[in-house]
Amino acid sequence: MVEPNETLWLTYIWIFIAAPLIVRYLDPSVDSYPKRVIIGSILSGCMIAVVFILALVVSVIGLVA
């Protein structure tokens, strides 16, 4: 199991390094770093929400079937 401190560091690395790089790759017109951090965080939140909803749908289908 991942320790809470490790999870926190992974989150910081994702928000401040990986997410801005992904946004820069997807949309080079976003010129400032803070905008990239904000957009990357929003995209990350959307991805997590989609995965959560898909898991919920699959579990409901599993219960019904």
PDB file of N, CA and C in Angstrom:
ATOM      1  N   MET A   1       0.844  -1.191   0.000  1.00  0.00           N
ATOM      2  CA  MET A   1       0.000   0.000   0.000  1.00  0.00           C
ATOM      3  C   MET A   1       0.886   1.251   0.000  1.00  0.00           C
ATOM      4  N   VAL A   2       0.425   2.289  -0.681  1.00  0.00           N
ATOM      5  CA  VAL A   2       1.208   3.515  -0.786  1.00  0.00           C
ATOM      6  C   VAL A   2       1.006   4.346   0.476  1.00  0.00           C
ATOM      7  N   GLU A   3       2.099   4.839   1.023  1.00  0.00           N
ATOM      8  CA  GLU A   3       2.017   5.696   2.208  1.00  0.00           C
ATOM      9  C   GLU A   3       1.417   7.049   1.818  1.00  0.00           C
ATOM     10  N   PRO A   4       0.748   7.729   2.761  1.00  0.00           N
ATOM     11  CA  PRO A   4       0.139   9.029   2.448  1.00  0.00           C
ATOM     12  C   PRO A   4       1.145  10.058   1.922  1.00  0.00           C
ATOM     13  N   ASN A   5       2.356  10.102   2.499  1.00  0.00           N
ATOM     14  CA  ASN A   5       3.351  11.068   2.027  1.00  0.00           C
ATOM     15  C   ASN A   5       3.740  10.812   0.577  1.00  0.00           C
ATOM     16  N   GLU A   6       3.884   9.539   0.207  1.00  0.00           N
ATOM     17  CA  GLU A   6       4.221   9.211  -1.181  1.00  0.00           C
ATOM     18  C   GLU A   6       3.099   9.637  -2.120  1.00  0.00           C
ATOM     19  N   THR A   7       1.869   9.422  -1.698  1.00  0.00           N
ATOM     20  CA  THR A   7       0.730   9.826  -2.524  1.00  0.00           C
ATOM     21  C   THR A   7       0.722  11.334  -2.718  1.00  0.00           C
ATOM     22  N   LEU A   8       1.026  12.068  -1.648  1.00  0.00           N
ATOM     23  CA  LEU A   8       1.060  13.524  -1.724  1.00  0.00           C
ATOM     24  C   LEU A   8       2.132  13.989  -2.703  1.00  0.00           C
ATOM     25  N   TRP A   9       3.327  13.390  -2.621  1.00  0.00           N
ATOM     26  CA  TRP A   9       4.396  13.764  -3.538  1.00  0.00           C
ATOM     27  C   TRP A   9       4.034  13.425  -4.974  1.00  0.00           C
ATOM     28  N   LEU A  10       3.433  12.264  -5.194  1.00  0.00           N
ATOM     29  CA  LEU A  10       3.018  11.893  -6.553  1.00  0.00           C
ATOM     30  C   LEU A  10       1.995  12.888  -7.093  1.00  0.00           C
ATOM     31  N   THR A  11       1.092  13.335  -6.214  1.00  0.00           N
ATOM     32  CA  THR A  11       0.088  14.321  -6.626  1.00  0.00           C
ATOM     33  C   THR A  11       0.752  15.629  -7.026  1.00  0.00           C
ATOM     34  N   TYR A  12       1.696  16.100  -6.195  1.00  0.00           N
ATOM     35  CA  TYR A  12       2.404  17.342  -6.526  1.00  0.00           C
ATOM     36  C   TYR A  12       3.166  17.214  -7.838  1.00  0.00           C
ATOM     37  N   ILE A  13       3.851  16.088  -8.022  1.00  0.00           N
ATOM     38  CA  ILE A  13       4.602  15.880  -9.265  1.00  0.00           C
ATOM     39  C   ILE A  13       3.653  15.905 -10.454  1.00  0.00           C
ATOM     40  N   TRP A  14       2.488  15.250 -10.315  1.00  0.00           N
ATOM     41  CA  TRP A  14       1.524  15.220 -11.411  1.00  0.00           C
ATOM     42  C   TRP A  14       1.013  16.613 -11.729  1.00  0.00           C
ATOM     43  N   ILE A  15       0.592  17.360 -10.688  1.00  0.00           N
ATOM     44  CA  ILE A  15      -0.041  18.661 -10.919  1.00  0.00           C
ATOM     45  C   ILE A  15       0.946  19.673 -11.489  1.00  0.00           C
ATOM     46  N   PHE A  16       2.178  19.711 -10.954  1.00  0.00           N
ATOM     47  CA  PHE A  16       3.089  20.789 -11.328  1.00  0.00           C
ATOM     48  C   PHE A  16       4.075  20.436 -12.434  1.00  0.00           C
ATOM     49  N   ILE A  17       4.219  19.155 -12.766  1.00  0.00           N
ATOM     50  CA  ILE A  17       5.169  18.785 -13.824  1.00  0.00           C
ATOM     51  C   ILE A  17       4.470  18.079 -14.983  1.00  0.00           C
ATOM     52  N   ALA A  18       3.782  16.976 -14.697  1.00  0.00           N
ATOM     53  CA  ALA A  18       3.217  16.161 -15.777  1.00  0.00           C
ATOM     54  C   ALA A  18       2.033  16.843 -16.459  1.00  0.00           C
ATOM     55  N   ALA A  19       1.085  17.359 -15.675  1.00  0.00           N
ATOM     56  CA  ALA A  19      -0.112  17.961 -16.268  1.00  0.00           C
ATOM     57  C   ALA A  19       0.226  19.148 -17.174  1.00  0.00           C
ATOM     58  N   PRO A  20       1.095  20.091 -16.752  1.00  0.00           N
ATOM     59  CA  PRO A  20       1.440  21.193 -17.672  1.00  0.00           C
ATOM     60  C   PRO A  20       2.125  20.716 -18.953  1.00  0.00           C
ATOM     61  N   LEU A  21       2.952  19.670 -18.847  1.00  0.00           N
ATOM     62  CA  LEU A  21       3.602  19.147 -20.054  1.00  0.00           C
ATOM     63  C   LEU A  21       2.578  18.554 -21.015  1.00  0.00           C
ATOM     64  N   ILE A  22       1.580  17.854 -20.465  1.00  0.00           N
ATOM     65  CA  ILE A  22       0.535  17.276 -21.311  1.00  0.00           C
ATOM     66  C   ILE A  22      -0.269  18.380 -21.982  1.00  0.00           C
ATOM     67  N   VAL A  23      -0.618  19.432 -21.211  1.00  0.00           N
ATOM     68  CA  VAL A  23      -1.373  20.549 -21.791  1.00  0.00           C
ATOM     69  C   VAL A  23      -0.537  21.239 -22.869  1.00  0.00           C
ATOM     70  N   ARG A  24       0.757  21.405 -22.622  1.00  0.00           N
ATOM     71  CA  ARG A  24       1.635  22.026 -23.617  1.00  0.00           C
ATOM     72  C   ARG A  24       1.682  21.198 -24.895  1.00  0.00           C
ATOM     73  N   TYR A  25       1.663  19.878 -24.739  1.00  0.00           N
ATOM     74  CA  TYR A  25       1.681  18.992 -25.903  1.00  0.00           C
ATOM     75  C   TYR A  25       0.352  19.057 -26.657  1.00  0.00           C
ATOM     76  N   LEU A  26      -0.767  19.070 -25.911  1.00  0.00           N
ATOM     77  CA  LEU A  26      -2.080  19.061 -26.552  1.00  0.00           C
ATOM     78  C   LEU A  26      -2.425  20.405 -27.177  1.00  0.00           C
ATOM     79  N   ASP A  27      -2.054  21.504 -26.503  1.00  0.00           N
ATOM     80  CA  ASP A  27      -2.429  22.835 -26.983  1.00  0.00           C
ATOM     81  C   ASP A  27      -1.259  23.798 -26.789  1.00  0.00           C
ATOM     82  N   PRO A  28      -0.371  23.905 -27.766  1.00  0.00           N
ATOM     83  CA  PRO A  28       0.806  24.780 -27.624  1.00  0.00           C
ATOM     84  C   PRO A  28       0.456  26.259 -27.505  1.00  0.00           C
ATOM     85  N   SER A  29      -0.777  26.658 -27.822  1.00  0.00           N
ATOM     86  CA  SER A  29      -1.133  28.074 -27.761  1.00  0.00           C
ATOM     87  C   SER A  29      -1.272  28.581 -26.327  1.00  0.00           C
ATOM     88  N   VAL A  30      -1.407  27.667 -25.347  1.00  0.00           N
ATOM     89  CA  VAL A  30      -1.455  28.090 -23.945  1.00  0.00           C
ATOM     90  C   VAL A  30      -0.029  28.450 -23.547  1.00  0.00           C
ATOM     91  N   ASP A  31       0.202  29.770 -23.332  1.00  0.00           N
ATOM     92  CA  ASP A  31       1.584  30.225 -23.222  1.00  0.00           C
ATOM     93  C   ASP A  31       2.114  30.310 -21.797  1.00  0.00           C
ATOM     94  N   SER A  32       1.265  30.506 -20.788  1.00  0.00           N
ATOM     95  CA  SER A  32       1.799  30.701 -19.438  1.00  0.00           C
ATOM     96  C   SER A  32       1.691  29.426 -18.603  1.00  0.00           C
ATOM     97  N   TYR A  33       2.683  29.253 -17.734  1.00  0.00           N
ATOM     98  CA  TYR A  33       2.744  28.048 -16.887  1.00  0.00           C
ATOM     99  C   TYR A  33       1.535  27.923 -15.952  1.00  0.00           C
ATOM    100  N   PRO A  34       1.107  29.009 -15.250  1.00  0.00           N
ATOM    101  CA  PRO A  34      -0.073  28.860 -14.360  1.00  0.00           C
ATOM    102  C   PRO A  34      -1.329  28.405 -15.097  1.00  0.00           C
ATOM    103  N   LYS A  35      -1.530  28.901 -16.326  1.00  0.00           N
ATOM    104  CA  LYS A  35      -2.693  28.453 -17.101  1.00  0.00           C
ATOM    105  C   LYS A  35      -2.589  26.963 -17.387  1.00  0.00           C
ATOM    106  N   ARG A  36      -1.371  26.499 -17.705  1.00  0.00           N
ATOM    107  CA  ARG A  36      -1.182  25.071 -17.976  1.00  0.00           C
ATOM    108  C   ARG A  36      -1.474  24.236 -16.741  1.00  0.00           C
ATOM    109  N   VAL A  37      -1.045  24.728 -15.557  1.00  0.00           N
ATOM    110  CA  VAL A  37      -1.304  23.996 -14.316  1.00  0.00           C
ATOM    111  C   VAL A  37      -2.803  23.894 -14.072  1.00  0.00           C
ATOM    112  N   ILE A  38      -3.522  25.006 -14.255  1.00  0.00           N
ATOM    113  CA  ILE A  38      -4.972  25.017 -14.006  1.00  0.00           C
ATOM    114  C   ILE A  38      -5.689  24.094 -14.988  1.00  0.00           C
ATOM    115  N   ILE A  39      -5.377  24.227 -16.279  1.00  0.00           N
ATOM    116  CA  ILE A  39      -6.038  23.396 -17.291  1.00  0.00           C
ATOM    117  C   ILE A  39      -5.697  21.927 -17.083  1.00  0.00           C
ATOM    118  N   GLY A  40      -4.436  21.639 -16.761  1.00  0.00           N
ATOM    119  CA  GLY A  40      -4.028  20.258 -16.504  1.00  0.00           C
ATOM    120  C   GLY A  40      -4.742  19.663 -15.307  1.00  0.00           C
ATOM    121  N   SER A  41      -4.921  20.473 -14.260  1.00  0.00           N
ATOM    122  CA  SER A  41      -5.631  19.985 -13.074  1.00  0.00           C
ATOM    123  C   SER A  41      -7.094  19.695 -13.392  1.00  0.00           C
ATOM    124  N   ILE A  42      -7.709  20.565 -14.182  1.00  0.00           N
ATOM    125  CA  ILE A  42      -9.108  20.347 -14.568  1.00  0.00           C
ATOM    126  C   ILE A  42      -9.233  19.075 -15.406  1.00  0.00           C
ATOM    127  N   LEU A  43      -8.312  18.894 -16.359  1.00  0.00           N
ATOM    128  CA  LEU A  43      -8.339  17.675 -17.181  1.00  0.00           C
ATOM    129  C   LEU A  43      -8.146  16.429 -16.330  1.00  0.00           C
ATOM    130  N   SER A  44      -7.235  16.518 -15.352  1.00  0.00           N
ATOM    131  CA  SER A  44      -7.004  15.373 -14.464  1.00  0.00           C
ATOM    132  C   SER A  44      -8.262  15.044 -13.676  1.00  0.00           C
ATOM    133  N   GLY A  45      -8.924  16.081 -13.164  1.00  0.00           N
ATOM    134  CA  GLY A  45     -10.167  15.868 -12.419  1.00  0.00           C
ATOM    135  C   GLY A  45     -11.235  15.230 -13.288  1.00  0.00           C
ATOM    136  N   CYS A  46     -11.327  15.676 -14.539  1.00  0.00           N
ATOM    137  CA  CYS A  46     -12.309  15.088 -15.458  1.00  0.00           C
ATOM    138  C   CYS A  46     -11.991  13.622 -15.739  1.00  0.00           C
ATOM    139  N   MET A  47     -10.705  13.305 -15.924  1.00  0.00           N
ATOM    140  CA  MET A  47     -10.330  11.913 -16.187  1.00  0.00           C
ATOM    141  C   MET A  47     -10.667  11.029 -14.994  1.00  0.00           C
ATOM    142  N   ILE A  48     -10.368  11.526 -13.788  1.00  0.00           N
ATOM    143  CA  ILE A  48     -10.668  10.746 -12.581  1.00  0.00           C
ATOM    144  C   ILE A  48     -12.174  10.536 -12.457  1.00  0.00           C
ATOM    145  N   ALA A  49     -12.960  11.587 -12.743  1.00  0.00           N
ATOM    146  CA  ALA A  49     -14.417  11.475 -12.659  1.00  0.00           C
ATOM    147  C   ALA A  49     -14.945  10.459 -13.668  1.00  0.00           C
ATOM    148  N   VAL A  50     -14.417  10.476 -14.886  1.00  0.00           N
ATOM    149  CA  VAL A  50     -14.863   9.530 -15.914  1.00  0.00           C
ATOM    150  C   VAL A  50     -14.546   8.100 -15.497  1.00  0.00           C
ATOM    151  N   VAL A  51     -13.342   7.879 -14.976  1.00  0.00           N
ATOM    152  CA  VAL A  51     -12.968   6.534 -14.533  1.00  0.00           C
ATOM    153  C   VAL A  51     -13.876   6.081 -13.391  1.00  0.00           C
ATOM    154  N   PHE A  52     -14.171   6.980 -12.459  1.00  0.00           N
ATOM    155  CA  PHE A  52     -15.041   6.644 -11.330  1.00  0.00           C
ATOM    156  C   PHE A  52     -16.447   6.291 -11.813  1.00  0.00           C
ATOM    157  N   ILE A  53     -16.978   7.083 -12.740  1.00  0.00           N
ATOM    158  CA  ILE A  53     -18.325   6.825 -13.263  1.00  0.00           C
ATOM    159  C   ILE A  53     -18.358   5.495 -14.017  1.00  0.00           C
ATOM    160  N   LEU A  54     -17.326   5.216 -14.813  1.00  0.00           N
ATOM    161  CA  LEU A  54     -17.272   3.934 -15.523  1.00  0.00           C
ATOM    162  C   LEU A  54     -17.222   2.763 -14.550  1.00  0.00           C
ATOM    163  N   ALA A  55     -16.434   2.900 -13.483  1.00  0.00           N
ATOM    164  CA  ALA A  55     -16.368   1.834 -12.484  1.00  0.00           C
ATOM    165  C   ALA A  55     -17.725   1.641 -11.816  1.00  0.00           C
ATOM    166  N   LEU A  56     -18.417   2.740 -11.549  1.00  0.00           N
ATOM    167  CA  LEU A  56     -19.744   2.665 -10.939  1.00  0.00           C
ATOM    168  C   LEU A  56     -20.726   1.963 -11.872  1.00  0.00           C
ATOM    169  N   VAL A  57     -20.710   2.314 -13.151  1.00  0.00           N
ATOM    170  CA  VAL A  57     -21.604   1.694 -14.128  1.00  0.00           C
ATOM    171  C   VAL A  57     -21.320   0.199 -14.240  1.00  0.00           C
ATOM    172  N   VAL A  58     -20.045  -0.167 -14.300  1.00  0.00           N
ATOM    173  CA  VAL A  58     -19.687  -1.578 -14.411  1.00  0.00           C
ATOM    174  C   VAL A  58     -20.146  -2.349 -13.180  1.00  0.00           C
ATOM    175  N   SER A  59     -19.998  -1.753 -11.990  1.00  0.00           N
ATOM    176  CA  SER A  59     -20.424  -2.454 -10.776  1.00  0.00           C
ATOM    177  C   SER A  59     -21.939  -2.590 -10.721  1.00  0.00           C
ATOM    178  N   VAL A  60     -22.670  -1.577 -11.175  1.00  0.00           N
ATOM    179  CA  VAL A  60     -24.137  -1.665 -11.201  1.00  0.00           C
ATOM    180  C   VAL A  60     -24.580  -2.736 -12.190  1.00  0.00           C
ATOM    181  N   ILE A  61     -23.944  -2.779 -13.360  1.00  0.00           N
ATOM    182  CA  ILE A  61     -24.274  -3.814 -14.344  1.00  0.00           C
ATOM    183  C   ILE A  61     -23.967  -5.193 -13.766  1.00  0.00           C
ATOM    184  N   GLY A  62     -22.865  -5.307 -13.040  1.00  0.00           N
ATOM    185  CA  GLY A  62     -22.514  -6.576 -12.409  1.00  0.00           C
ATOM    186  C   GLY A  62     -23.536  -6.995 -11.372  1.00  0.00           C
ATOM    187  N   LEU A  63     -24.089  -6.031 -10.640  1.00  0.00           N
ATOM    188  CA  LEU A  63     -25.103  -6.358  -9.632  1.00  0.00           C
ATOM    189  C   LEU A  63     -26.413  -6.777 -10.287  1.00  0.00           C
ATOM    190  N   VAL A  64     -26.773  -6.107 -11.377  1.00  0.00           N
ATOM    191  CA  VAL A  64     -28.046  -6.396 -12.044  1.00  0.00           C
ATOM    192  C   VAL A  64     -27.979  -7.733 -12.775  1.00  0.00           C
ATOM    193  N   ALA A  65     -26.865  -7.987 -13.423  1.00  0.00           N
ATOM    194  CA  ALA A  65     -26.742  -9.207 -14.234  1.00  0.00           C
ATOM    195  C   ALA A  65     -26.617 -10.456 -13.384  1.00  0.00           C
TER     196      ALA A  65
END
